[in-house]
């Protein structure tokens, strides 16, 4: 009986270690996050794409070509990004195309999932929009 309980406990702990976790508070989210993938596509090499979450709810960053600013709300792993404005400079075509994807993804972010040092931003249906790593 003891061996069976030990085996079940070991299995549960092992499987639990493989599951994704989610940030538990705003403090986990606050900081500078590099965008690694956008809608399943890796970012362009040397892309400046990033999101910066401030403690006061301010959202800033770079959408691949231009700087942006706005606000965010984060509670119970539900995340809403509210970009409000951006600079309007031109960049190389690859960065401009990537910027369009970032701009499409941000307003539909609904939740987060954190696993293996990466934060995934998901839409309302659970599809991964952006994958970020903390800087």
N, C-alpha and C. Protein backbone atom coordinates (compact mmCIF):
# COMPACT_ATOMS: atom_id res chain seq x y z
N UNK A 1 0.83 -1.19 0.00
CA UNK A 1 0.00 0.00 0.00
C UNK A 1 0.88 1.25 0.00
N UNK A 2 1.91 1.27 0.83
CA UNK A 2 2.80 2.43 0.90
C UNK A 2 3.46 2.70 -0.44
N UNK A 3 3.92 1.61 -1.11
CA UNK A 3 4.57 1.78 -2.41
C UNK A 3 3.60 2.35 -3.44
N UNK A 4 2.34 1.94 -3.37
CA UNK A 4 1.34 2.45 -4.32
C UNK A 4 1.09 3.95 -4.09
N UNK A 5 0.96 4.36 -2.84
CA UNK A 5 0.75 5.77 -2.52
C UNK A 5 1.98 6.57 -2.94
N UNK A 6 3.16 6.05 -2.69
CA UNK A 6 4.39 6.72 -3.08
C UNK A 6 4.47 6.87 -4.60
N UNK A 7 4.11 5.83 -5.33
CA UNK A 7 4.14 5.87 -6.79
C UNK A 7 3.15 6.89 -7.33
N UNK A 8 1.95 6.93 -6.77
CA UNK A 8 0.93 7.90 -7.22
C UNK A 8 1.37 9.32 -6.90
N UNK A 9 1.92 9.54 -5.72
CA UNK A 9 2.40 10.86 -5.34
C UNK A 9 3.53 11.31 -6.25
N UNK A 10 4.47 10.42 -6.53
CA UNK A 10 5.59 10.74 -7.42
C UNK A 10 5.10 11.09 -8.81
N UNK A 11 4.15 10.30 -9.32
CA UNK A 11 3.58 10.57 -10.64
C UNK A 11 2.88 11.92 -10.67
N UNK A 12 2.11 12.23 -9.66
CA UNK A 12 1.39 13.51 -9.61
C UNK A 12 2.36 14.69 -9.58
N UNK A 13 3.42 14.56 -8.79
CA UNK A 13 4.42 15.63 -8.73
C UNK A 13 5.16 15.79 -10.05
N UNK A 14 5.47 14.68 -10.70
CA UNK A 14 6.16 14.72 -11.99
C UNK A 14 5.29 15.38 -13.05
N UNK A 15 4.03 14.96 -13.14
CA UNK A 15 3.13 15.54 -14.13
C UNK A 15 2.83 16.99 -13.82
N UNK A 16 2.71 17.33 -12.56
CA UNK A 16 2.46 18.72 -12.17
C UNK A 16 3.60 19.62 -12.58
N UNK A 17 4.81 19.14 -12.60
CA UNK A 17 5.96 19.93 -13.01
C UNK A 17 5.96 20.23 -14.49
N UNK A 18 5.23 19.47 -15.28
CA UNK A 18 5.18 19.67 -16.73
C UNK A 18 4.08 20.62 -17.15
N UNK A 19 3.16 20.91 -16.27
CA UNK A 19 2.03 21.76 -16.63
C UNK A 19 2.44 23.22 -16.65
N UNK A 20 1.73 23.99 -17.46
CA UNK A 20 1.97 25.42 -17.53
C UNK A 20 1.45 26.08 -16.25
N UNK A 21 2.10 27.13 -15.87
CA UNK A 21 1.63 27.91 -14.74
C UNK A 21 1.31 29.30 -15.26
N UNK A 22 0.65 30.07 -14.45
CA UNK A 22 0.31 31.42 -14.85
C UNK A 22 0.81 32.39 -13.80
N UNK A 23 1.17 33.60 -14.22
CA UNK A 23 1.60 34.59 -13.23
C UNK A 23 0.51 34.78 -12.18
N UNK A 24 0.90 34.91 -10.93
CA UNK A 24 -0.08 34.99 -9.86
C UNK A 24 -0.44 36.41 -9.47
N UNK A 25 0.32 37.38 -9.92
CA UNK A 25 0.04 38.76 -9.56
C UNK A 25 0.65 39.70 -10.58
N UNK A 26 0.29 40.96 -10.49
CA UNK A 26 0.86 41.96 -11.39
C UNK A 26 2.39 42.01 -11.28
N UNK A 27 2.93 41.71 -10.12
CA UNK A 27 4.38 41.77 -9.95
C UNK A 27 5.10 40.81 -10.87
N UNK A 28 4.49 39.70 -11.23
CA UNK A 28 5.10 38.76 -12.16
C UNK A 28 5.11 39.32 -13.59
N UNK A 29 4.17 40.17 -13.90
CA UNK A 29 4.02 40.70 -15.24
C UNK A 29 4.87 41.96 -15.45
N UNK A 30 5.07 42.71 -14.41
CA UNK A 30 5.75 44.00 -14.51
C UNK A 30 7.18 43.83 -15.01
N UNK A 31 7.54 44.64 -16.00
CA UNK A 31 8.89 44.62 -16.53
C UNK A 31 8.89 44.63 -18.04
N UNK A 32 10.05 44.39 -18.58
CA UNK A 32 10.29 44.44 -20.02
C UNK A 32 10.28 43.02 -20.59
N UNK A 33 9.44 42.78 -21.61
CA UNK A 33 9.27 41.47 -22.21
C UNK A 33 9.57 41.55 -23.70
N UNK A 34 10.50 40.76 -24.16
CA UNK A 34 10.84 40.68 -25.60
C UNK A 34 9.82 39.78 -26.29
N UNK A 35 9.32 40.23 -27.44
CA UNK A 35 8.40 39.41 -28.22
C UNK A 35 9.21 38.41 -29.03
N UNK A 36 8.97 37.13 -28.79
CA UNK A 36 9.70 36.05 -29.47
C UNK A 36 8.95 35.55 -30.70
N UNK A 37 7.63 35.38 -30.55
CA UNK A 37 6.81 34.96 -31.69
C UNK A 37 5.53 35.77 -31.72
N UNK A 38 5.00 35.95 -32.94
CA UNK A 38 3.76 36.67 -33.15
C UNK A 38 2.87 35.79 -34.02
N UNK A 39 1.75 35.36 -33.46
CA UNK A 39 0.81 34.50 -34.17
C UNK A 39 1.52 33.31 -34.82
N UNK A 40 2.41 32.69 -34.06
CA UNK A 40 3.10 31.50 -34.51
C UNK A 40 4.34 31.73 -35.35
N UNK A 41 4.64 32.97 -35.68
CA UNK A 41 5.81 33.28 -36.50
C UNK A 41 6.92 33.87 -35.62
N UNK A 42 8.15 33.38 -35.77
CA UNK A 42 9.24 33.99 -34.99
C UNK A 42 9.47 35.43 -35.45
N UNK A 43 9.91 36.25 -34.51
CA UNK A 43 10.19 37.64 -34.86
C UNK A 43 11.43 37.71 -35.75
N UNK A 44 11.50 38.79 -36.50
CA UNK A 44 12.64 39.05 -37.38
C UNK A 44 13.90 39.15 -36.52
N UNK A 45 15.02 38.62 -37.02
CA UNK A 45 16.29 38.73 -36.27
C UNK A 45 16.55 40.18 -35.91
N UNK A 46 17.01 40.40 -34.71
CA UNK A 46 17.35 41.73 -34.19
C UNK A 46 16.14 42.66 -34.11
N UNK A 47 14.96 42.10 -34.04
CA UNK A 47 13.74 42.90 -33.92
C UNK A 47 13.70 43.57 -32.55
N UNK A 48 13.32 44.85 -32.50
CA UNK A 48 13.20 45.53 -31.21
C UNK A 48 11.84 45.31 -30.55
N UNK A 49 11.02 44.40 -31.06
CA UNK A 49 9.65 44.22 -30.57
C UNK A 49 9.64 43.82 -29.10
N UNK A 50 8.92 44.60 -28.29
CA UNK A 50 8.84 44.34 -26.86
C UNK A 50 7.61 44.99 -26.26
N UNK A 51 7.19 44.45 -25.13
CA UNK A 51 6.13 45.03 -24.31
C UNK A 51 6.73 45.36 -22.96
N UNK A 52 6.37 46.52 -22.42
CA UNK A 52 6.85 46.93 -21.10
C UNK A 52 5.63 47.23 -20.24
N UNK A 53 5.46 46.43 -19.19
CA UNK A 53 4.36 46.59 -18.25
C UNK A 53 4.86 47.33 -17.02
N UNK A 54 4.25 48.46 -16.70
CA UNK A 54 4.61 49.23 -15.51
C UNK A 54 3.62 48.96 -14.39
N UNK A 55 4.07 49.18 -13.16
CA UNK A 55 3.24 48.90 -11.98
C UNK A 55 1.96 49.74 -11.95
N UNK A 56 1.97 50.90 -12.60
CA UNK A 56 0.80 51.79 -12.58
C UNK A 56 -0.22 51.47 -13.68
N UNK A 57 -0.03 50.37 -14.42
CA UNK A 57 -0.97 49.99 -15.46
C UNK A 57 -0.63 50.56 -16.83
N UNK A 58 0.52 51.22 -16.93
CA UNK A 58 0.96 51.77 -18.21
C UNK A 58 1.59 50.67 -19.04
N UNK A 59 1.26 50.65 -20.32
CA UNK A 59 1.84 49.72 -21.29
C UNK A 59 2.60 50.55 -22.32
N UNK A 60 3.87 50.23 -22.52
CA UNK A 60 4.68 50.87 -23.55
C UNK A 60 5.46 49.78 -24.26
N UNK A 61 6.19 50.17 -25.29
CA UNK A 61 7.03 49.20 -25.96
C UNK A 61 7.29 49.57 -27.39
N UNK A 62 7.70 48.55 -28.15
CA UNK A 62 8.02 48.72 -29.56
C UNK A 62 7.27 47.61 -30.31
N UNK A 63 6.50 48.00 -31.33
CA UNK A 63 5.72 47.01 -32.06
C UNK A 63 6.46 46.49 -33.28
N UNK A 64 7.75 46.62 -33.31
CA UNK A 64 8.70 46.14 -34.31
C UNK A 64 9.37 47.29 -35.04
N UNK A 65 8.64 48.36 -35.27
CA UNK A 65 9.18 49.52 -35.97
C UNK A 65 8.98 50.77 -35.13
N UNK A 66 7.81 50.95 -34.61
CA UNK A 66 7.44 52.17 -33.88
C UNK A 66 7.24 51.92 -32.40
N UNK A 67 7.41 52.98 -31.63
CA UNK A 67 7.12 52.95 -30.20
C UNK A 67 5.61 53.10 -30.02
N UNK A 68 5.06 52.46 -28.99
CA UNK A 68 3.64 52.62 -28.70
C UNK A 68 3.45 52.85 -27.22
N UNK A 69 2.26 53.31 -26.86
CA UNK A 69 1.92 53.53 -25.46
C UNK A 69 0.44 53.23 -25.27
N UNK A 70 0.07 52.97 -24.04
CA UNK A 70 -1.32 52.70 -23.70
C UNK A 70 -1.42 52.24 -22.27
N UNK A 71 -2.39 51.38 -22.02
CA UNK A 71 -2.63 50.85 -20.68
C UNK A 71 -2.89 49.35 -20.77
N UNK A 72 -2.85 48.71 -19.62
CA UNK A 72 -3.21 47.30 -19.54
C UNK A 72 -3.93 47.06 -18.22
N UNK A 73 -4.73 46.00 -18.20
CA UNK A 73 -5.37 45.54 -16.97
C UNK A 73 -5.06 44.06 -16.84
N UNK A 74 -4.66 43.65 -15.63
CA UNK A 74 -4.29 42.25 -15.38
C UNK A 74 -4.84 41.84 -14.02
N UNK A 75 -5.71 40.83 -14.01
CA UNK A 75 -6.25 40.29 -12.77
C UNK A 75 -6.70 38.85 -13.03
N UNK A 76 -6.38 37.97 -12.11
CA UNK A 76 -6.79 36.57 -12.22
C UNK A 76 -6.42 35.96 -13.57
N UNK A 77 -5.21 36.27 -14.03
CA UNK A 77 -4.65 35.76 -15.29
C UNK A 77 -5.40 36.25 -16.53
N UNK A 78 -6.32 37.17 -16.36
CA UNK A 78 -7.00 37.81 -17.48
C UNK A 78 -6.24 39.09 -17.80
N UNK A 79 -5.88 39.28 -19.06
CA UNK A 79 -5.08 40.43 -19.46
C UNK A 79 -5.76 41.15 -20.60
N UNK A 80 -5.87 42.46 -20.47
CA UNK A 80 -6.39 43.31 -21.53
C UNK A 80 -5.33 44.35 -21.86
N UNK A 81 -4.93 44.40 -23.14
CA UNK A 81 -3.98 45.40 -23.61
C UNK A 81 -4.77 46.48 -24.35
N UNK A 82 -4.50 47.72 -24.01
CA UNK A 82 -5.21 48.84 -24.61
C UNK A 82 -4.22 49.84 -25.20
N UNK A 83 -3.62 49.51 -26.36
CA UNK A 83 -2.71 50.46 -26.98
C UNK A 83 -3.48 51.71 -27.37
N UNK A 84 -2.89 52.87 -27.13
CA UNK A 84 -3.59 54.13 -27.37
C UNK A 84 -2.97 54.97 -28.48
N UNK A 85 -1.67 54.82 -28.69
CA UNK A 85 -1.01 55.63 -29.71
C UNK A 85 0.34 55.06 -30.07
N UNK A 86 0.88 55.55 -31.18
CA UNK A 86 2.16 55.05 -31.67
C UNK A 86 2.86 56.13 -32.48
N UNK A 87 4.18 56.02 -32.56
CA UNK A 87 4.91 56.87 -33.49
C UNK A 87 4.62 56.37 -34.90
N UNK A 88 4.98 57.13 -35.90
CA UNK A 88 4.59 56.79 -37.28
C UNK A 88 5.77 56.78 -38.25
N UNK A 89 6.91 56.27 -37.84
CA UNK A 89 8.04 56.24 -38.77
C UNK A 89 7.97 55.01 -39.67
N UNK A 90 8.66 55.07 -40.77
CA UNK A 90 8.73 53.95 -41.71
C UNK A 90 9.98 53.12 -41.43
N UNK A 91 9.85 51.82 -41.66
CA UNK A 91 10.97 50.89 -41.47
C UNK A 91 11.06 49.96 -42.68
N UNK A 92 12.01 49.05 -42.64
CA UNK A 92 12.12 48.06 -43.71
C UNK A 92 10.84 47.23 -43.76
N UNK A 93 10.55 46.67 -44.91
CA UNK A 93 9.29 45.95 -45.13
C UNK A 93 9.05 44.83 -44.12
N UNK A 94 10.09 44.08 -43.79
CA UNK A 94 9.91 42.95 -42.86
C UNK A 94 9.44 43.43 -41.49
N UNK A 95 10.00 44.52 -41.00
CA UNK A 95 9.57 45.06 -39.71
C UNK A 95 8.18 45.68 -39.79
N UNK A 96 7.86 46.31 -40.90
CA UNK A 96 6.53 46.90 -41.07
C UNK A 96 5.46 45.80 -41.08
N UNK A 97 5.74 44.69 -41.75
CA UNK A 97 4.80 43.57 -41.79
C UNK A 97 4.64 42.97 -40.39
N UNK A 98 5.74 42.84 -39.68
CA UNK A 98 5.70 42.29 -38.32
C UNK A 98 4.93 43.24 -37.40
N UNK A 99 5.13 44.52 -37.58
CA UNK A 99 4.42 45.52 -36.78
C UNK A 99 2.90 45.38 -36.95
N UNK A 100 2.45 45.12 -38.17
CA UNK A 100 1.02 44.94 -38.41
C UNK A 100 0.48 43.75 -37.61
N UNK A 101 1.24 42.67 -37.53
CA UNK A 101 0.82 41.51 -36.76
C UNK A 101 0.73 41.83 -35.27
N UNK A 102 1.73 42.54 -34.76
CA UNK A 102 1.72 42.93 -33.34
C UNK A 102 0.49 43.80 -33.07
N UNK A 103 0.24 44.78 -33.96
CA UNK A 103 -0.89 45.67 -33.78
C UNK A 103 -2.23 44.93 -33.85
N UNK A 104 -2.31 43.87 -34.65
CA UNK A 104 -3.52 43.06 -34.72
C UNK A 104 -3.69 42.21 -33.45
N UNK A 105 -2.59 41.70 -32.92
CA UNK A 105 -2.64 40.79 -31.78
C UNK A 105 -2.98 41.49 -30.46
N UNK A 106 -2.39 42.65 -30.21
CA UNK A 106 -2.52 43.28 -28.89
C UNK A 106 -3.97 43.50 -28.44
N UNK A 107 -4.85 44.04 -29.27
CA UNK A 107 -6.21 44.31 -28.77
C UNK A 107 -7.06 43.07 -28.50
N UNK A 108 -6.66 41.91 -28.99
CA UNK A 108 -7.47 40.70 -28.77
C UNK A 108 -6.90 39.78 -27.70
N UNK A 109 -5.82 40.21 -27.04
CA UNK A 109 -5.27 39.43 -25.92
C UNK A 109 -6.31 39.38 -24.81
N UNK A 110 -6.53 38.17 -24.26
CA UNK A 110 -7.53 37.99 -23.21
C UNK A 110 -6.97 37.33 -21.95
N UNK A 111 -5.90 36.53 -22.09
CA UNK A 111 -5.39 35.82 -20.92
C UNK A 111 -3.91 35.50 -21.11
N UNK A 112 -3.31 34.95 -20.04
CA UNK A 112 -1.89 34.63 -20.05
C UNK A 112 -1.67 33.17 -19.67
N UNK A 113 -0.53 32.68 -20.08
CA UNK A 113 -0.07 31.35 -19.66
C UNK A 113 1.44 31.42 -19.57
N UNK A 114 1.99 30.98 -18.45
CA UNK A 114 3.44 31.07 -18.23
C UNK A 114 4.01 29.67 -18.07
N UNK A 115 5.00 29.33 -18.91
CA UNK A 115 5.65 28.02 -18.83
C UNK A 115 7.05 28.11 -19.41
N UNK A 116 7.98 27.41 -18.79
CA UNK A 116 9.35 27.31 -19.29
C UNK A 116 9.99 28.67 -19.55
N UNK A 117 9.72 29.63 -18.68
CA UNK A 117 10.34 30.96 -18.80
C UNK A 117 9.74 31.84 -19.87
N UNK A 118 8.63 31.42 -20.46
CA UNK A 118 8.00 32.22 -21.50
C UNK A 118 6.55 32.51 -21.13
N UNK A 119 6.15 33.72 -21.42
CA UNK A 119 4.79 34.16 -21.18
C UNK A 119 4.05 34.18 -22.51
N UNK A 120 2.98 33.40 -22.61
CA UNK A 120 2.14 33.38 -23.81
C UNK A 120 0.92 34.25 -23.55
N UNK A 121 0.60 35.10 -24.51
CA UNK A 121 -0.60 35.92 -24.46
C UNK A 121 -1.60 35.29 -25.41
N UNK A 122 -2.78 34.97 -24.88
CA UNK A 122 -3.78 34.19 -25.61
C UNK A 122 -5.01 35.03 -25.93
N UNK A 123 -5.71 34.64 -27.00
CA UNK A 123 -6.98 35.30 -27.31
C UNK A 123 -8.09 34.63 -26.50
N UNK A 124 -9.32 35.05 -26.71
CA UNK A 124 -10.45 34.54 -25.95
C UNK A 124 -10.72 33.07 -26.16
N UNK A 125 -10.21 32.50 -27.25
CA UNK A 125 -10.41 31.07 -27.53
C UNK A 125 -9.21 30.23 -27.11
N UNK A 126 -8.21 30.86 -26.48
CA UNK A 126 -7.04 30.13 -26.01
C UNK A 126 -5.93 29.97 -27.03
N UNK A 127 -6.05 30.64 -28.17
CA UNK A 127 -5.00 30.58 -29.20
C UNK A 127 -3.86 31.52 -28.82
N UNK A 128 -2.64 31.06 -28.99
CA UNK A 128 -1.46 31.87 -28.65
C UNK A 128 -1.28 32.96 -29.70
N UNK A 129 -1.23 34.20 -29.23
CA UNK A 129 -1.00 35.35 -30.10
C UNK A 129 0.46 35.80 -30.06
N UNK A 130 0.97 35.96 -28.85
CA UNK A 130 2.34 36.43 -28.66
C UNK A 130 3.03 35.55 -27.62
N UNK A 131 4.31 35.28 -27.83
CA UNK A 131 5.14 34.59 -26.84
C UNK A 131 6.25 35.55 -26.47
N UNK A 132 6.41 35.76 -25.16
CA UNK A 132 7.36 36.75 -24.64
C UNK A 132 8.35 36.11 -23.68
N UNK A 133 9.56 36.69 -23.61
CA UNK A 133 10.52 36.33 -22.58
C UNK A 133 10.91 37.59 -21.84
N UNK A 134 11.06 37.46 -20.52
CA UNK A 134 11.38 38.63 -19.70
C UNK A 134 12.85 39.00 -19.86
N UNK A 135 13.10 40.26 -19.97
CA UNK A 135 14.45 40.79 -20.15
C UNK A 135 15.06 41.19 -18.84
